Protein backbone atom coordinates (compact mmCIF):
# COMPACT_ATOMS: atom_id res chain seq x y z
CA MET A 1 50.56 -9.68 161.25
CA LYS A 2 51.05 -10.66 157.86
CA TRP A 3 48.74 -7.87 156.36
CA VAL A 4 50.10 -5.41 158.93
CA LYS A 5 53.57 -6.01 157.47
CA GLN A 6 52.39 -5.68 153.98
CA SER A 7 50.54 -2.49 154.68
CA VAL A 8 53.74 -0.98 155.76
CA GLY A 9 56.16 -2.41 153.22
CA TYR A 10 57.89 -4.60 155.87
CA TRP A 11 59.33 -7.08 153.42
CA CYS A 12 62.48 -5.01 151.95
CA ASP A 13 65.91 -5.97 151.57
CA ASP A 14 67.12 -4.78 154.78
CA ILE A 15 64.55 -7.11 156.30
CA ILE A 16 65.04 -10.12 154.26
CA LYS A 17 68.65 -9.81 153.66
CA GLY A 18 70.11 -7.40 155.88
CA GLY A 19 68.33 -9.30 159.00
CA TYR A 20 67.68 -5.77 160.72
CA LYS A 21 65.08 -6.97 163.00
CA GLY A 22 66.01 -4.91 166.47
CA GLN A 23 69.22 -6.88 167.38
CA GLY A 24 71.32 -4.67 169.89
CA VAL A 25 68.06 -2.41 170.49
CA CYS A 26 66.34 -2.42 173.90
CA VAL A 27 62.72 -0.96 173.88
CA ALA A 28 61.16 0.14 177.25
CA LEU A 29 57.22 -0.43 177.35
CA LEU A 30 54.98 1.38 179.95
CA ASP A 31 51.73 -0.77 179.90
CA THR A 32 49.63 -3.28 181.93
CA GLY A 33 52.64 -5.61 182.33
CA VAL A 34 53.78 -8.58 179.95
CA ALA A 35 53.05 -12.50 180.53
CA ARG A 36 55.45 -15.10 180.08
CA HIS A 37 54.44 -16.20 176.52
CA PRO A 38 56.52 -18.50 174.70
CA ASP A 39 57.05 -15.66 171.91
CA LEU A 40 58.73 -13.34 174.34
CA GLU A 41 60.98 -15.88 176.09
CA GLY A 42 64.25 -14.70 177.18
CA ARG A 43 63.21 -10.89 175.62
CA VAL A 44 62.24 -9.28 179.07
CA VAL A 45 65.32 -8.24 180.70
CA LYS A 46 63.73 -6.05 183.41
CA PHE A 47 60.31 -5.84 184.80
CA CYS A 48 58.65 -3.60 187.50
CA ASP A 49 55.16 -3.11 188.90
CA PHE A 50 54.66 0.47 189.70
CA THR A 51 50.61 0.12 190.49
CA LYS A 52 51.36 -1.31 193.71
CA GLU A 53 51.54 0.96 197.19
CA GLU A 54 55.44 0.32 196.65
CA SER A 55 57.11 -0.15 193.26
CA ARG A 56 58.10 -3.80 193.08
CA SER A 57 60.86 -5.16 190.55
CA SER A 58 60.31 -8.95 190.12
CA ASP A 59 62.00 -11.79 188.21
CA SER A 60 58.58 -13.01 187.32
CA CYS A 61 56.96 -10.81 185.01
CA TYR A 62 53.12 -10.84 184.68
CA ASP A 63 50.00 -9.06 182.74
CA ASP A 64 46.60 -9.26 184.61
CA SER A 65 44.98 -7.14 181.62
CA GLY A 66 46.83 -8.68 178.35
CA HIS A 67 47.24 -5.31 176.66
CA GLY A 68 50.74 -4.95 177.41
CA THR A 69 51.23 -8.42 176.22
CA HIS A 70 49.56 -7.79 172.78
CA VAL A 71 51.42 -4.81 172.43
CA SER A 72 54.76 -6.62 173.15
CA GLY A 73 53.89 -9.33 170.92
CA ILE A 74 53.15 -6.69 168.10
CA LEU A 75 56.66 -4.87 168.83
CA CYS A 76 58.84 -7.83 169.20
CA GLY A 77 57.15 -11.02 169.60
CA ASN A 78 59.53 -13.87 167.52
CA GLY A 79 56.15 -15.99 166.30
CA LYS A 80 57.61 -18.98 168.05
CA VAL A 81 54.15 -20.57 168.70
CA SER A 82 52.99 -19.77 165.16
CA SER A 83 56.26 -20.75 163.22
CA GLY A 84 56.83 -16.99 162.68
CA VAL A 85 53.47 -16.13 160.94
CA TYR A 86 52.60 -13.92 164.34
CA ALA A 87 56.02 -12.78 164.62
CA GLY A 88 56.38 -9.05 165.24
CA ILE A 89 58.15 -6.19 163.81
CA ALA A 90 61.62 -6.43 165.61
CA PRO A 91 61.82 -9.77 166.91
CA LYS A 92 65.41 -9.45 167.77
CA ALA A 93 64.61 -6.40 170.09
CA LYS A 94 65.05 -6.65 174.16
CA LEU A 95 62.39 -5.21 176.26
CA VAL A 96 62.13 -3.24 179.62
CA VAL A 97 58.55 -3.57 180.92
CA GLY A 98 56.92 -1.04 183.47
CA LYS A 99 53.68 -1.98 184.77
CA VAL A 100 51.97 1.15 185.06
CA LEU A 101 48.04 0.27 184.41
CA ASP A 102 46.10 -2.16 186.39
CA LYS A 103 43.80 -5.28 184.96
CA ASP A 104 41.14 -2.94 183.70
CA GLY A 105 43.81 -0.98 182.04
CA ASN A 106 43.32 2.05 184.26
CA GLY A 107 46.25 3.89 185.98
CA ASP A 108 46.97 6.94 188.00
CA VAL A 109 49.48 9.51 186.23
CA SER A 110 51.45 9.11 189.55
CA HIS A 111 52.22 5.58 188.13
CA VAL A 112 53.28 6.67 184.85
CA MET A 113 55.34 9.18 186.43
CA LYS A 114 57.37 6.49 188.35
CA GLY A 115 57.48 4.35 185.25
CA VAL A 116 59.20 7.28 183.24
CA GLU A 117 61.53 8.00 186.23
CA TRP A 118 62.72 4.53 186.32
CA ILE A 119 63.52 4.53 182.61
CA LEU A 120 65.62 7.24 182.92
CA GLU A 121 67.46 5.94 186.09
CA GLU A 122 67.56 2.49 184.07
CA ARG A 123 68.22 3.67 180.58
CA LYS A 124 72.13 3.30 180.26
CA ARG A 125 72.28 0.03 182.05
CA TYR A 126 69.80 -1.68 179.56
CA GLU A 127 70.83 0.78 176.76
CA ILE A 128 67.17 1.49 176.30
CA ARG A 129 66.92 3.60 173.02
CA ILE A 130 62.91 3.64 172.48
CA VAL A 131 60.21 3.76 175.00
CA ASN A 132 56.44 2.95 173.70
CA ILE A 133 53.51 4.29 175.81
CA SER A 134 50.35 2.85 174.21
CA VAL A 135 48.65 4.56 176.85
CA GLY A 136 46.69 7.69 176.80
CA THR A 137 44.54 9.99 179.17
CA ASN A 138 40.79 10.15 179.49
CA PRO A 139 39.51 13.51 178.38
CA GLY A 140 37.89 14.37 181.50
CA LEU A 141 41.37 14.03 183.14
CA ALA A 142 42.21 17.50 185.14
CA LYS A 143 44.73 20.14 183.65
CA LYS A 144 47.20 19.81 185.94
CA GLN A 145 47.34 15.89 185.82
CA LYS A 146 47.63 15.86 181.81
CA GLU A 147 50.53 18.55 182.07
CA LEU A 148 52.20 16.53 184.57
CA LEU A 149 52.20 13.51 182.00
CA LEU A 150 53.20 15.49 179.05
CA ASP A 151 56.19 17.20 181.00
CA ALA A 152 57.06 13.59 181.77
CA VAL A 153 57.06 11.89 178.26
CA GLU A 154 59.25 15.21 177.02
CA LEU A 155 61.78 14.55 179.69
CA LEU A 156 62.30 11.03 178.13
CA TRP A 157 62.57 12.73 174.83
CA ASP A 158 65.19 15.40 176.06
CA ALA A 159 67.00 12.55 177.37
CA GLY A 160 67.97 11.42 173.76
CA LEU A 161 64.98 8.36 173.85
CA THR A 162 62.97 8.11 170.79
CA VAL A 163 59.35 7.97 172.47
CA VAL A 164 56.66 6.63 170.37
CA VAL A 165 53.42 7.18 171.99
CA SER A 166 49.44 6.30 170.54
CA ALA A 167 46.99 9.07 169.41
CA GLY A 168 44.11 7.52 171.59
CA ASN A 169 40.75 6.18 170.49
CA TYR A 170 38.63 9.13 171.13
CA GLY A 171 38.34 10.31 167.26
CA PRO A 172 37.86 10.99 164.63
CA GLU A 173 36.89 14.67 165.49
CA GLU A 174 39.22 17.61 165.52
CA GLY A 175 41.16 17.89 168.84
CA THR A 176 40.79 14.20 169.88
CA VAL A 177 44.19 13.26 170.06
CA ALA A 178 45.01 11.85 173.78
CA VAL A 179 47.55 13.18 176.11
CA PRO A 180 50.54 12.50 176.06
CA GLY A 181 50.28 12.28 171.95
CA ASN A 182 49.60 15.93 171.97
CA SER A 183 53.18 16.48 172.62
CA ARG A 184 55.16 18.60 169.79
CA LYS A 185 58.37 16.42 170.60
CA VAL A 186 56.94 12.97 170.67
CA ILE A 187 56.09 10.56 167.72
CA THR A 188 52.61 10.33 167.85
CA VAL A 189 50.59 7.03 165.97
CA GLY A 190 47.33 7.06 165.00
CA VAL A 191 45.57 4.76 162.62
CA PRO A 192 44.24 5.43 159.56
CA ASP A 193 40.76 5.66 158.02
CA SER A 194 41.57 3.76 155.11
CA ASN A 195 43.63 0.23 154.80
CA LEU A 196 41.30 -1.97 157.35
CA PRO A 197 40.89 -5.43 156.99
CA TYR A 198 37.14 -5.26 156.96
CA SER A 199 34.67 -4.31 154.09
CA ARG A 200 34.27 -0.51 153.12
CA LYS A 201 30.78 -0.88 154.52
CA SER A 202 31.94 -1.24 158.13
CA ARG A 203 34.71 1.17 157.86
CA LYS A 204 32.76 4.27 159.02
CA SER A 205 32.32 2.48 162.58
CA LEU A 206 35.68 1.63 162.90
CA ASN A 207 36.97 5.38 162.00
CA TYR A 208 38.04 6.03 165.84
CA SER A 209 41.73 7.19 165.83
CA GLY A 210 42.35 10.43 167.95
CA ARG A 211 43.19 13.79 165.58
CA GLY A 212 44.90 16.92 165.86
CA PRO A 213 45.14 19.85 165.80
CA THR A 214 46.22 20.11 169.35
CA GLY A 215 45.60 23.28 171.48
CA GLU A 216 48.91 24.63 170.37
CA CYS A 217 47.90 23.92 166.78
CA VAL A 218 50.30 21.28 166.14
CA VAL A 219 49.22 18.46 163.51
CA LYS A 220 48.90 15.40 165.05
CA PRO A 221 49.02 12.03 164.42
CA ASP A 222 52.42 12.46 162.87
CA VAL A 223 52.45 8.81 161.38
CA PHE A 224 49.89 6.27 160.80
CA ALA A 225 50.16 2.47 161.09
CA PRO A 226 47.46 -0.30 160.81
CA GLY A 227 46.03 -0.91 164.55
CA THR A 228 42.40 -2.57 163.63
CA GLY A 229 42.18 -6.24 163.98
CA VAL A 230 45.72 -7.28 164.94
CA VAL A 231 46.47 -10.50 165.88
CA SER A 232 49.13 -10.80 168.44
CA CYS A 233 50.18 -12.71 171.89
CA ASN A 234 47.52 -13.79 174.20
CA SER A 235 48.55 -13.21 177.66
CA MET A 236 46.25 -16.07 178.97
CA TYR A 237 48.00 -18.71 176.65
CA GLY A 238 48.64 -22.07 178.82
CA MET A 239 45.23 -21.75 180.46
CA SER A 240 42.62 -24.40 179.61
CA GLY A 241 41.01 -23.25 176.41
CA GLU A 242 43.33 -20.29 175.45
CA HIS A 243 44.86 -19.49 172.48
CA PRO A 244 48.43 -18.26 171.99
CA TYR A 245 47.09 -15.22 170.17
CA ILE A 246 44.29 -13.09 170.19
CA MET A 247 42.76 -10.15 168.28
CA LYS A 248 42.85 -6.52 169.50
CA THR A 249 42.05 -3.21 167.87
CA GLY A 250 43.08 0.38 168.88
CA THR A 251 45.85 3.39 168.29
CA SER A 252 47.66 1.08 170.99
CA MET A 253 48.42 -1.62 168.50
CA ALA A 254 49.51 0.99 165.87
CA ALA A 255 52.13 2.48 168.19
CA PRO A 256 54.45 -0.79 168.61
CA VAL A 257 54.43 -0.97 164.83
CA VAL A 258 55.94 1.94 164.42
CA SER A 259 58.42 1.33 167.86
CA GLY A 260 59.43 -1.83 165.93
CA ALA A 261 60.17 -0.23 162.82
CA VAL A 262 62.46 2.28 164.61
CA ALA A 263 64.07 -0.70 166.42
CA CYS A 264 64.96 -2.06 162.91
CA LEU A 265 66.33 1.28 161.86
CA LEU A 266 68.41 1.76 164.82
CA SER A 267 69.94 -2.12 164.44
CA LYS A 268 71.22 -0.39 160.75
CA TYR A 269 72.09 2.91 162.40
CA PRO A 270 72.68 2.59 165.75
CA ASP A 271 74.45 6.01 165.78
CA MET A 272 71.10 7.78 164.72
CA THR A 273 69.69 10.31 167.38
CA ASN A 274 66.01 10.67 168.24
CA VAL A 275 65.69 13.81 166.07
CA GLU A 276 67.25 11.93 163.28
CA VAL A 277 64.77 8.96 163.58
CA LYS A 278 61.88 11.52 163.63
CA LEU A 279 62.96 13.37 160.48
CA LYS A 280 63.77 10.03 158.68
CA LEU A 281 60.42 8.77 159.44
CA ARG A 282 58.56 11.95 158.30
CA GLU A 283 60.56 11.82 155.09
CA SER A 284 59.77 8.07 154.29
CA CYS A 285 55.96 7.87 155.02
CA VAL A 286 53.69 7.33 152.15
CA LYS A 287 50.97 9.82 152.05
CA MET A 288 47.29 8.53 151.97
CA LYS A 289 44.02 9.67 150.22
CA GLY A 290 41.29 10.23 153.27
CA THR A 291 43.60 10.84 155.87
CA GLU A 292 43.98 14.76 156.59
CA SER A 293 46.85 14.98 158.66
CA GLY A 294 50.33 13.49 159.58
CA TRP A 295 53.49 12.64 157.49
CA GLY A 296 51.34 9.64 156.20
CA MET A 297 51.41 5.59 156.44
CA LEU A 298 54.81 4.33 157.59
CA HIS A 299 56.78 2.28 155.19
CA VAL A 300 59.74 0.25 156.67
CA GLY A 301 61.14 -0.52 153.52
CA GLN A 302 61.73 3.32 152.92
CA LEU A 303 62.43 4.19 156.34
CA LEU A 304 65.75 1.61 156.45
CA GLY A 305 66.67 2.63 153.20
CA GLU A 306 69.15 5.14 152.37
CA LYS A 307 67.42 7.43 150.29
CA GLY A 308 66.58 10.59 152.28
CA MET A 309 69.26 10.06 154.63
CA LYS A 310 70.99 13.83 155.62
CA THR A 311 73.79 14.84 157.81
CA LEU A 312 72.50 17.01 160.48
């Protein structure tokens, strides 16, 4: 996480001196679940599995894939095992986790829809402010199913929640951003062509992030964040031979970097609306060479700073 934080200007006064690290903010996560990793101890306030025939809440959270645990660590892991080296972006935030994908990372749109309905029902009880969805549809999915998913995430946005989704890994050709990342309302996160922790020679093969414009000519992704070779929590930790951390790549890893940054922002400015959050993100991003769309790279220092704040 060190290079990720360096890339997004994380070590600013608001983080170091102000200590705005997600305290008082609850983030809902729709993914493959979350394991009981030491870095996430005491952070998961609610868990529900929607992949079963009957949705099931449980006091014992789990993750049979590892994807959701990795995403959770990036977002708000406290780095306990690594003495802070692999701490996430908002290590004081709380999590509400809905399991909508199976052990292979697959799921039905109906599972995600149930997860969305659950968040809407529970948002006041757990004071949910942000929803992270590192889930995207396969390009071959039926149009009606895509429309259902798109409508569902926009319901979350219309309810006042800041919705952050991944752009998908079907790029970099035009029109490859995955649903629901094509929504004009939500904040869609991609991985830049540059700023990868690999040699210049290897970058072409790692240029995978979904790109717009969408079918409605909306420029996407909105914001970029590191997602290649990110080290975070390993759901298998505790089993024989398993290390506490593991490396993964994808726009799924970039989305929680932005969600974590938003949690830090809401720690400092708890009264901000989701529209104000989106505008603040747009104003604070750093333009990049080689990336042909979006606002630019996330910059936490500029996001949390007072520069660019407006009364809406």
